[in-house]
Structures are given as C-alpha cells and as structure tokens.
Amino acid sequence: NDAQVSVNNATLNLAVDDTFDIVAVTSPEGLNVTFVADDSGVVSVDEKGRVTALKGGNATITVIVGGDGVYAVNTTEIKVTVSKTSAVISAPDSVDINIGDKVNLNATLNSGSVAQMNFTSGNESIVTVNDIGELTAVSIGSANITVSFAGDDRYYAAEDKIITVTVKKIHPVISAADSVALKINDTVELNATLNYPDDVRLNFTSSNENVVSVNDAGEITAVGAGSAYITVSF
C-alpha cells in the first residue's frame, strides 16, 4: 500500500532563533510521521515537527511516512534557508578617566558574549584596553577605542563602535589634621597624604618658624609659645 504525506510549506525562510511548526497531512489520515533534519547543524526539528533555526545557512528537513510494515515508505522534503541576525555593539560614546584609573567599558553585544568582541586602542601611550574591555589610563590626552565584532555562524559582522577616551590629571586632595596642639620642644608627624597613586612629595611651610618649624617630611617641632599655620601644598 502507498501512503502519502504533504506539508504546509515546501520552503522556509527563517532567521536565527526563529521557530516554525510543520503541519504534515497524511493519506490515509492519522499515520505516524517522522521529521529528520540533515546534518548541517543549520536547523533542528523535534518529533512534533517544530523547527528551530540554529545558524545561518541552508538545510533540508525530510518528512517520512510509512515503513511500518503496512505502508511503503514515502517522503517529502522541506528546503530551509536561515538568515543570520544583525549584530549590534552597545557602548558609551565617550569616557573620561584619570591617570592610573582602570575602568571597564561595559560594552555589550546582542549575542550576549563579550568574548566575541575585539578591543583596540588608537594610542596605547594614552590608554590601553584588554580583551574584556577594561581601560587603563596611561597619560594625559585623548585616544579612540575601537570595539569590533567579525561575525559568526549566527550573527553578521557588527558596525565598529568608536569610543573617545579622555585621560585627565587627577584632582589633588590633601588630607591632614586641621589643628595640632603642642608643647614647646614637642615634635609631631603631620601624616599629610595626597590622593595620588604614586609616592609624591608634598611641600610644607611654616608661617612663623619662631613658633613652629616643619621639615620636608612634614614633621613639626614646637619652638616657642604662640600660634602658626603650616601650609601643605602640591
């Protein structure tokens, strides 16, 4: 006996991640149908005929009926074309950072994988960038960071994203005690600090060295009774 099978679409045009339900009609009605995708990896199909587009390319799904000892095997084919999805890089247009700062660009790709993006600096003497988009500010100036994606089986190549990075000097803040009370001949370290990543020298001056003196290390010594200002500068 011959069995027949027909489907609702002989050709399919899908995009990556799309699904489509094949409707197979058998003659006689009610026969079991088997769906088989080729080995291209472009699509998958489950036992109920739901097709899932996995990557760009062409594929064939074979719909099989019969072969059950009663009916001879009969088949029909569905040709599937899967289009890739457009890739889009999202990242800020510009970033301002200070020398020595490390900042992540937080660039994202709509494929969900940062590892697929490439990061390059237009001037590594100003700013460098690593494989995960982390910036390191090296010196004063501006440089462009280019974020790119070459595409893969699922996504087309993305338009490059250009990010302007401006590296600025650190705004210095000196931290020290507002006042110090001493007795004559007492010596105290001011412990003044600067918000700078490297070891730098602060300048210390006394408004009245007959009252208090200060050395280059910020150590103050009470010389005579009275009040005086110590100025800490950078």
C-alpha atoms as a PDB file:
ATOM      1  CA  ASN A   1       0.000   0.000   0.000  1.00  0.00           C
ATOM      2  CA  ASP A   2       1.152   3.523  -0.713  1.00  0.00           C
ATOM      3  CA  ALA A   3       0.971   6.287   1.878  1.00  0.00           C
ATOM      4  CA  GLN A   4       1.221   9.947   1.028  1.00  0.00           C
ATOM      5  CA  VAL A   5       2.374  12.935   3.068  1.00  0.00           C
ATOM      6  CA  SER A   6       2.107  16.645   2.318  1.00  0.00           C
ATOM      7  CA  VAL A   7       3.281  19.678   4.300  1.00  0.00           C
ATOM      8  CA  ASN A   8       2.083  23.236   4.753  1.00  0.00           C
ATOM      9  CA  ASN A   9       5.333  24.752   3.400  1.00  0.00           C
ATOM     10  CA  ALA A  10       7.782  23.202   0.969  1.00  0.00           C
ATOM     11  CA  THR A  11      10.266  26.029   1.588  1.00  0.00           C
ATOM     12  CA  LEU A  12      11.027  28.018   4.724  1.00  0.00           C
ATOM     13  CA  ASN A  13      12.866  31.304   5.184  1.00  0.00           C
ATOM     14  CA  LEU A  14      13.806  31.822   8.815  1.00  0.00           C
ATOM     15  CA  ALA A  15      16.141  33.968  10.877  1.00  0.00           C
ATOM     16  CA  VAL A  16      18.394  32.588  13.600  1.00  0.00           C
ATOM     17  CA  ASP A  17      16.342  31.602  16.682  1.00  0.00           C
ATOM     18  CA  ASP A  18      13.063  31.564  14.724  1.00  0.00           C
ATOM     19  CA  THR A  19      10.773  28.558  15.082  1.00  0.00           C
ATOM     20  CA  PHE A  20       8.239  27.073  12.713  1.00  0.00           C
ATOM     21  CA  ASP A  21       5.704  24.254  13.149  1.00  0.00           C
ATOM     22  CA  ILE A  22       5.451  21.861  10.227  1.00  0.00           C
ATOM     23  CA  VAL A  23       1.920  20.640   9.586  1.00  0.00           C
ATOM     24  CA  ALA A  24       2.045  17.245   7.906  1.00  0.00           C
ATOM     25  CA  VAL A  25      -1.088  15.737   6.388  1.00  0.00           C
ATOM     26  CA  THR A  26      -1.100  12.008   5.609  1.00  0.00           C
ATOM     27  CA  SER A  27      -3.202   9.933   3.298  1.00  0.00           C
ATOM     28  CA  PRO A  28      -4.714   7.829   4.736  1.00  0.00           C
ATOM     29  CA  GLU A  29      -5.201  10.155   7.694  1.00  0.00           C
ATOM     30  CA  GLY A  30      -3.604   9.570  11.067  1.00  0.00           C
ATOM     31  CA  LEU A  31      -0.392   7.839  10.015  1.00  0.00           C
ATOM     32  CA  ASN A  32       2.735   8.393  12.077  1.00  0.00           C
ATOM     33  CA  VAL A  33       5.125  10.979  10.641  1.00  0.00           C
ATOM     34  CA  THR A  34       8.843  11.277  11.313  1.00  0.00           C
ATOM     35  CA  PHE A  35      10.804  14.532  10.863  1.00  0.00           C
ATOM     36  CA  VAL A  36      14.541  14.356  10.177  1.00  0.00           C
ATOM     37  CA  ALA A  37      16.902  17.354   9.772  1.00  0.00           C
ATOM     38  CA  ASP A  38      20.089  16.964   7.756  1.00  0.00           C
ATOM     39  CA  ASP A  39      23.496  17.104   9.464  1.00  0.00           C
ATOM     40  CA  SER A  40      24.305  20.709   8.508  1.00  0.00           C
ATOM     41  CA  GLY A  41      23.502  21.973  12.012  1.00  0.00           C
ATOM     42  CA  VAL A  42      21.544  24.842  10.490  1.00  0.00           C
ATOM     43  CA  VAL A  43      18.220  23.721  11.990  1.00  0.00           C
ATOM     44  CA  SER A  44      16.842  21.205  14.446  1.00  0.00           C
ATOM     45  CA  VAL A  45      13.409  19.598  14.345  1.00  0.00           C
ATOM     46  CA  ASP A  46      11.593  17.762  17.123  1.00  0.00           C
ATOM     47  CA  GLU A  47       9.245  14.776  16.920  1.00  0.00           C
ATOM     48  CA  LYS A  48       6.239  17.069  16.577  1.00  0.00           C
ATOM     49  CA  GLY A  49       7.689  18.961  13.630  1.00  0.00           C
ATOM     50  CA  ARG A  50       8.820  22.149  15.387  1.00  0.00           C
ATOM     51  CA  VAL A  51      11.779  23.596  13.502  1.00  0.00           C
ATOM     52  CA  THR A  52      14.325  25.799  15.305  1.00  0.00           C
ATOM     53  CA  ALA A  53      16.797  27.888  13.300  1.00  0.00           C
ATOM     54  CA  LEU A  54      20.272  27.477  14.833  1.00  0.00           C
ATOM     55  CA  LYS A  55      22.670  29.283  12.489  1.00  0.00           C
ATOM     56  CA  GLY A  56      22.858  30.866   9.080  1.00  0.00           C
ATOM     57  CA  GLY A  57      22.823  28.580   6.037  1.00  0.00           C
ATOM     58  CA  ASN A  58      20.722  26.087   4.113  1.00  0.00           C
ATOM     59  CA  ALA A  59      19.204  22.830   5.324  1.00  0.00           C
ATOM     60  CA  THR A  60      16.794  20.107   4.310  1.00  0.00           C
ATOM     61  CA  ILE A  61      14.159  18.511   6.511  1.00  0.00           C
ATOM     62  CA  THR A  62      12.822  15.173   5.375  1.00  0.00           C
ATOM     63  CA  VAL A  63       9.274  14.267   6.360  1.00  0.00           C
ATOM     64  CA  ILE A  64       8.756  10.478   6.373  1.00  0.00           C
ATOM     65  CA  VAL A  65       5.584   8.430   6.422  1.00  0.00           C
ATOM     66  CA  GLY A  66       5.051   4.671   6.110  1.00  0.00           C
ATOM     67  CA  GLY A  67       7.644   1.961   6.607  1.00  0.00           C
ATOM     68  CA  ASP A  68       5.512   0.388   9.293  1.00  0.00           C
ATOM     69  CA  GLY A  69       5.046  -2.968   7.591  1.00  0.00           C
ATOM     70  CA  VAL A  70       1.709  -1.903   6.167  1.00  0.00           C
ATOM     71  CA  TYR A  71       2.616   1.087   4.047  1.00  0.00           C
ATOM     72  CA  ALA A  72       5.722   1.612   1.952  1.00  0.00           C
ATOM     73  CA  VAL A  73       7.991   4.492   2.919  1.00  0.00           C
ATOM     74  CA  ASN A  74       7.153   7.815   1.322  1.00  0.00           C
ATOM     75  CA  THR A  75       8.891  11.149   1.902  1.00  0.00           C
ATOM     76  CA  THR A  76       8.736  14.802   1.092  1.00  0.00           C
ATOM     77  CA  GLU A  77      11.424  17.438   1.654  1.00  0.00           C
ATOM     78  CA  ILE A  78      11.334  20.948   3.023  1.00  0.00           C
ATOM     79  CA  LYS A  79      14.101  23.331   1.972  1.00  0.00           C
ATOM     80  CA  VAL A  80      15.079  25.774   4.718  1.00  0.00           C
ATOM     81  CA  THR A  81      17.117  28.970   4.384  1.00  0.00           C
ATOM     82  CA  VAL A  82      18.245  30.580   7.651  1.00  0.00           C
ATOM     83  CA  SER A  83      19.473  34.170   7.708  1.00  0.00           C
ATOM     84  CA  LYS A  84      21.902  35.397  10.335  1.00  0.00           C
ATOM     85  CA  THR A  85      20.873  38.037  12.843  1.00  0.00           C
ATOM     86  CA  SER A  86      22.323  41.545  12.727  1.00  0.00           C
ATOM     87  CA  ALA A  87      24.929  42.143  15.438  1.00  0.00           C
ATOM     88  CA  VAL A  88      24.867  45.412  17.377  1.00  0.00           C
ATOM     89  CA  ILE A  89      27.565  46.658  19.752  1.00  0.00           C
ATOM     90  CA  SER A  90      26.389  48.858  22.623  1.00  0.00           C
ATOM     91  CA  ALA A  91      28.907  51.044  24.478  1.00  0.00           C
ATOM     92  CA  PRO A  92      29.256  54.670  25.602  1.00  0.00           C
ATOM     93  CA  ASP A  93      30.333  57.236  23.001  1.00  0.00           C
ATOM     94  CA  SER A  94      32.937  58.745  25.329  1.00  0.00           C
ATOM     95  CA  VAL A  95      34.663  58.057  28.636  1.00  0.00           C
ATOM     96  CA  ASP A  96      36.584  60.466  30.902  1.00  0.00           C
ATOM     97  CA  ILE A  97      39.082  58.903  33.300  1.00  0.00           C
ATOM     98  CA  ASN A  98      42.037  59.965  35.416  1.00  0.00           C
ATOM     99  CA  ILE A  99      45.623  58.815  35.059  1.00  0.00           C
ATOM    100  CA  GLY A 100      46.073  55.399  36.644  1.00  0.00           C
ATOM    101  CA  ASP A 101      42.371  54.581  36.625  1.00  0.00           C
ATOM    102  CA  LYS A 102      41.107  51.197  35.460  1.00  0.00           C
ATOM    103  CA  VAL A 103      37.578  51.338  34.055  1.00  0.00           C
ATOM    104  CA  ASN A 104      35.501  48.728  32.229  1.00  0.00           C
ATOM    105  CA  LEU A 105      33.766  49.968  29.092  1.00  0.00           C
ATOM    106  CA  ASN A 106      30.808  47.653  29.758  1.00  0.00           C
ATOM    107  CA  ALA A 107      30.449  47.112  26.021  1.00  0.00           C
ATOM    108  CA  THR A 108      27.780  44.563  25.111  1.00  0.00           C
ATOM    109  CA  LEU A 109      26.875  42.592  22.011  1.00  0.00           C
ATOM    110  CA  ASN A 110      23.342  41.414  21.323  1.00  0.00           C
ATOM    111  CA  SER A 111      24.695  37.874  21.002  1.00  0.00           C
ATOM    112  CA  GLY A 112      25.413  38.104  24.717  1.00  0.00           C
ATOM    113  CA  SER A 113      29.132  37.250  24.515  1.00  0.00           C
ATOM    114  CA  VAL A 114      31.767  39.869  25.379  1.00  0.00           C
ATOM    115  CA  ALA A 115      34.444  37.317  24.458  1.00  0.00           C
ATOM    116  CA  GLN A 116      33.439  37.640  20.790  1.00  0.00           C
ATOM    117  CA  MET A 117      34.323  41.345  20.640  1.00  0.00           C
ATOM    118  CA  ASN A 118      37.734  42.812  19.877  1.00  0.00           C
ATOM    119  CA  PHE A 119      39.052  45.934  21.596  1.00  0.00           C
ATOM    120  CA  THR A 120      41.896  48.061  20.211  1.00  0.00           C
ATOM    121  CA  SER A 121      43.389  51.365  21.335  1.00  0.00           C
ATOM    122  CA  GLY A 122      44.334  54.019  18.821  1.00  0.00           C
ATOM    123  CA  ASN A 123      47.110  55.257  21.108  1.00  0.00           C
ATOM    124  CA  GLU A 124      48.421  52.933  23.815  1.00  0.00           C
ATOM    125  CA  SER A 125      50.685  55.654  25.205  1.00  0.00           C
ATOM    126  CA  ILE A 126      47.470  57.343  26.416  1.00  0.00           C
ATOM    127  CA  VAL A 127      45.131  54.427  27.162  1.00  0.00           C
ATOM    128  CA  THR A 128      45.349  50.654  26.857  1.00  0.00           C
ATOM    129  CA  VAL A 129      42.484  48.166  26.703  1.00  0.00           C
ATOM    130  CA  ASN A 130      42.428  44.429  27.423  1.00  0.00           C
ATOM    131  CA  ASP A 131      40.400  41.562  25.932  1.00  0.00           C
ATOM    132  CA  ILE A 132      37.369  42.175  28.155  1.00  0.00           C
ATOM    133  CA  GLY A 133      37.185  45.925  27.533  1.00  0.00           C
ATOM    134  CA  GLU A 134      38.968  47.173  30.656  1.00  0.00           C
ATOM    135  CA  LEU A 135      40.729  50.512  30.124  1.00  0.00           C
ATOM    136  CA  THR A 136      43.925  51.609  31.836  1.00  0.00           C
ATOM    137  CA  ALA A 137      44.747  55.324  31.694  1.00  0.00           C
ATOM    138  CA  VAL A 138      48.455  55.839  30.978  1.00  0.00           C
ATOM    139  CA  SER A 139      48.983  59.547  30.264  1.00  0.00           C
ATOM    140  CA  ILE A 140      47.147  62.817  29.623  1.00  0.00           C
ATOM    141  CA  GLY A 141      45.343  63.108  26.281  1.00  0.00           C
ATOM    142  CA  SER A 142      42.627  61.567  24.124  1.00  0.00           C
ATOM    143  CA  ALA A 143      42.528  58.311  22.178  1.00  0.00           C
ATOM    144  CA  ASN A 144      39.909  56.247  20.390  1.00  0.00           C
ATOM    145  CA  ILE A 145      38.978  52.729  21.441  1.00  0.00           C
ATOM    146  CA  THR A 146      37.541  50.618  18.620  1.00  0.00           C
ATOM    147  CA  VAL A 147      35.169  47.788  19.526  1.00  0.00           C
ATOM    148  CA  SER A 148      34.567  45.315  16.697  1.00  0.00           C
ATOM    149  CA  PHE A 149      32.839  42.002  16.028  1.00  0.00           C
ATOM    150  CA  ALA A 150      33.713  39.934  12.964  1.00  0.00           C
ATOM    151  CA  GLY A 151      30.549  37.819  12.954  1.00  0.00           C
ATOM    152  CA  ASP A 152      29.958  34.090  13.425  1.00  0.00           C
ATOM    153  CA  ASP A 153      27.528  31.353  12.389  1.00  0.00           C
ATOM    154  CA  ARG A 154      24.608  33.169  13.991  1.00  0.00           C
ATOM    155  CA  TYR A 155      25.405  36.851  13.592  1.00  0.00           C
ATOM    156  CA  TYR A 156      26.592  39.126  10.809  1.00  0.00           C
ATOM    157  CA  ALA A 157      29.618  41.331  11.493  1.00  0.00           C
ATOM    158  CA  ALA A 158      28.732  44.420  13.531  1.00  0.00           C
ATOM    159  CA  GLU A 159      29.455  48.018  12.692  1.00  0.00           C
ATOM    160  CA  ASP A 160      32.520  49.120  14.668  1.00  0.00           C
ATOM    161  CA  LYS A 161      31.847  51.186  17.769  1.00  0.00           C
ATOM    162  CA  ILE A 162      34.301  54.073  18.312  1.00  0.00           C
ATOM    163  CA  ILE A 163      34.686  55.350  21.869  1.00  0.00           C
ATOM    164  CA  THR A 164      36.605  58.538  22.640  1.00  0.00           C
ATOM    165  CA  VAL A 165      38.578  58.241  25.862  1.00  0.00           C
ATOM    166  CA  THR A 166      39.912  61.382  27.521  1.00  0.00           C
ATOM    167  CA  VAL A 167      42.535  60.932  30.212  1.00  0.00           C
ATOM    168  CA  LYS A 168      42.773  63.784  32.696  1.00  0.00           C
ATOM    169  CA  LYS A 169      45.045  64.688  35.544  1.00  0.00           C
ATOM    170  CA  ILE A 170      43.903  63.644  38.988  1.00  0.00           C
ATOM    171  CA  HIS A 171      42.292  66.417  41.000  1.00  0.00           C
ATOM    172  CA  PRO A 172      44.574  66.511  44.049  1.00  0.00           C
ATOM    173  CA  VAL A 173      43.155  66.451  47.554  1.00  0.00           C
ATOM    174  CA  ILE A 174      45.452  66.850  50.537  1.00  0.00           C
ATOM    175  CA  SER A 175      44.337  65.210  53.774  1.00  0.00           C
ATOM    176  CA  ALA A 176      45.772  66.348  57.124  1.00  0.00           C
ATOM    177  CA  ALA A 177      44.693  67.392  60.604  1.00  0.00           C
ATOM    178  CA  ASP A 178      43.046  70.846  60.796  1.00  0.00           C
ATOM    179  CA  SER A 179      44.831  71.751  64.045  1.00  0.00           C
ATOM    180  CA  VAL A 180      47.591  70.471  66.306  1.00  0.00           C
ATOM    181  CA  ALA A 181      48.304  71.473  69.935  1.00  0.00           C
ATOM    182  CA  LEU A 182      51.927  71.150  71.081  1.00  0.00           C
ATOM    183  CA  LYS A 183      54.129  71.975  73.992  1.00  0.00           C
ATOM    184  CA  ILE A 184      57.480  73.629  73.403  1.00  0.00           C
ATOM    185  CA  ASN A 185      60.042  71.111  72.087  1.00  0.00           C
ATOM    186  CA  ASP A 186      57.316  68.603  71.096  1.00  0.00           C
ATOM    187  CA  THR A 187      57.802  67.015  67.668  1.00  0.00           C
ATOM    188  CA  VAL A 188      54.867  65.530  65.725  1.00  0.00           C
ATOM    189  CA  GLU A 189      54.468  63.981  62.276  1.00  0.00           C
ATOM    190  CA  LEU A 190      51.605  65.654  60.383  1.00  0.00           C
ATOM    191  CA  ASN A 191      50.871  62.476  58.363  1.00  0.00           C
ATOM    192  CA  ALA A 192      49.582  64.552  55.445  1.00  0.00           C
ATOM    193  CA  THR A 193      48.529  62.479  52.420  1.00  0.00           C
ATOM    194  CA  LEU A 194      47.578  63.098  48.788  1.00  0.00           C
ATOM    195  CA  ASN A 195      45.075  61.098  46.711  1.00  0.00           C
ATOM    196  CA  TYR A 196      47.684  60.107  44.144  1.00  0.00           C
ATOM    197  CA  PRO A 197      48.642  56.535  43.213  1.00  0.00           C
ATOM    198  CA  ASP A 198      52.385  57.153  43.339  1.00  0.00           C
ATOM    199  CA  ASP A 199      54.657  58.332  46.121  1.00  0.00           C
ATOM    200  CA  VAL A 200      54.888  62.108  45.686  1.00  0.00           C
ATOM    201  CA  ARG A 201      56.497  64.835  47.756  1.00  0.00           C
ATOM    202  CA  LEU A 202      54.321  67.420  49.456  1.00  0.00           C
ATOM    203  CA  ASN A 203      55.674  70.830  50.334  1.00  0.00           C
ATOM    204  CA  PHE A 204      55.461  72.075  53.927  1.00  0.00           C
ATOM    205  CA  THR A 205      55.972  75.679  55.087  1.00  0.00           C
ATOM    206  CA  SER A 206      55.508  77.403  58.440  1.00  0.00           C
ATOM    207  CA  SER A 207      54.037  80.896  58.726  1.00  0.00           C
ATOM    208  CA  ASN A 208      56.173  81.556  61.808  1.00  0.00           C
ATOM    209  CA  GLU A 209      59.239  79.444  62.403  1.00  0.00           C
ATOM    210  CA  ASN A 210      59.759  81.123  65.782  1.00  0.00           C
ATOM    211  CA  VAL A 211      56.625  79.268  66.910  1.00  0.00           C
ATOM    212  CA  VAL A 212      56.806  76.034  64.923  1.00  0.00           C
ATOM    213  CA  SER A 213      59.197  74.637  62.344  1.00  0.00           C
ATOM    214  CA  VAL A 214      58.479  71.922  59.777  1.00  0.00           C
ATOM    215  CA  ASN A 215      60.845  69.733  57.746  1.00  0.00           C
ATOM    216  CA  ASP A 216      60.469  68.220  54.254  1.00  0.00           C
ATOM    217  CA  ALA A 217      58.846  65.096  55.667  1.00  0.00           C
ATOM    218  CA  GLY A 218      56.049  67.015  57.404  1.00  0.00           C
ATOM    219  CA  GLU A 219      57.479  66.691  60.891  1.00  0.00           C
ATOM    220  CA  ILE A 220      56.668  69.754  63.009  1.00  0.00           C
ATOM    221  CA  THR A 221      58.557  70.942  66.092  1.00  0.00           C
ATOM    222  CA  ALA A 222      57.225  73.437  68.643  1.00  0.00           C
ATOM    223  CA  VAL A 223      59.846  76.192  69.036  1.00  0.00           C
ATOM    224  CA  GLY A 224      58.080  78.871  71.069  1.00  0.00           C
ATOM    225  CA  ALA A 225      54.694  79.742  72.525  1.00  0.00           C
ATOM    226  CA  GLY A 226      52.083  81.063  70.108  1.00  0.00           C
ATOM    227  CA  SER A 227      50.150  80.054  67.005  1.00  0.00           C
ATOM    228  CA  ALA A 228      51.288  79.497  63.445  1.00  0.00           C
ATOM    229  CA  TYR A 229      49.962  77.989  60.226  1.00  0.00           C
ATOM    230  CA  ILE A 230      51.532  75.040  58.473  1.00  0.00           C
ATOM    231  CA  THR A 231      50.731  75.119  54.752  1.00  0.00           C
ATOM    232  CA  VAL A 232      50.780  71.796  52.897  1.00  0.00           C
ATOM    233  CA  SER A 233      50.917  72.126  49.107  1.00  0.00           C
ATOM    234  CA  PHE A 234      51.364  70.082  45.958  1.00  0.00           C
END
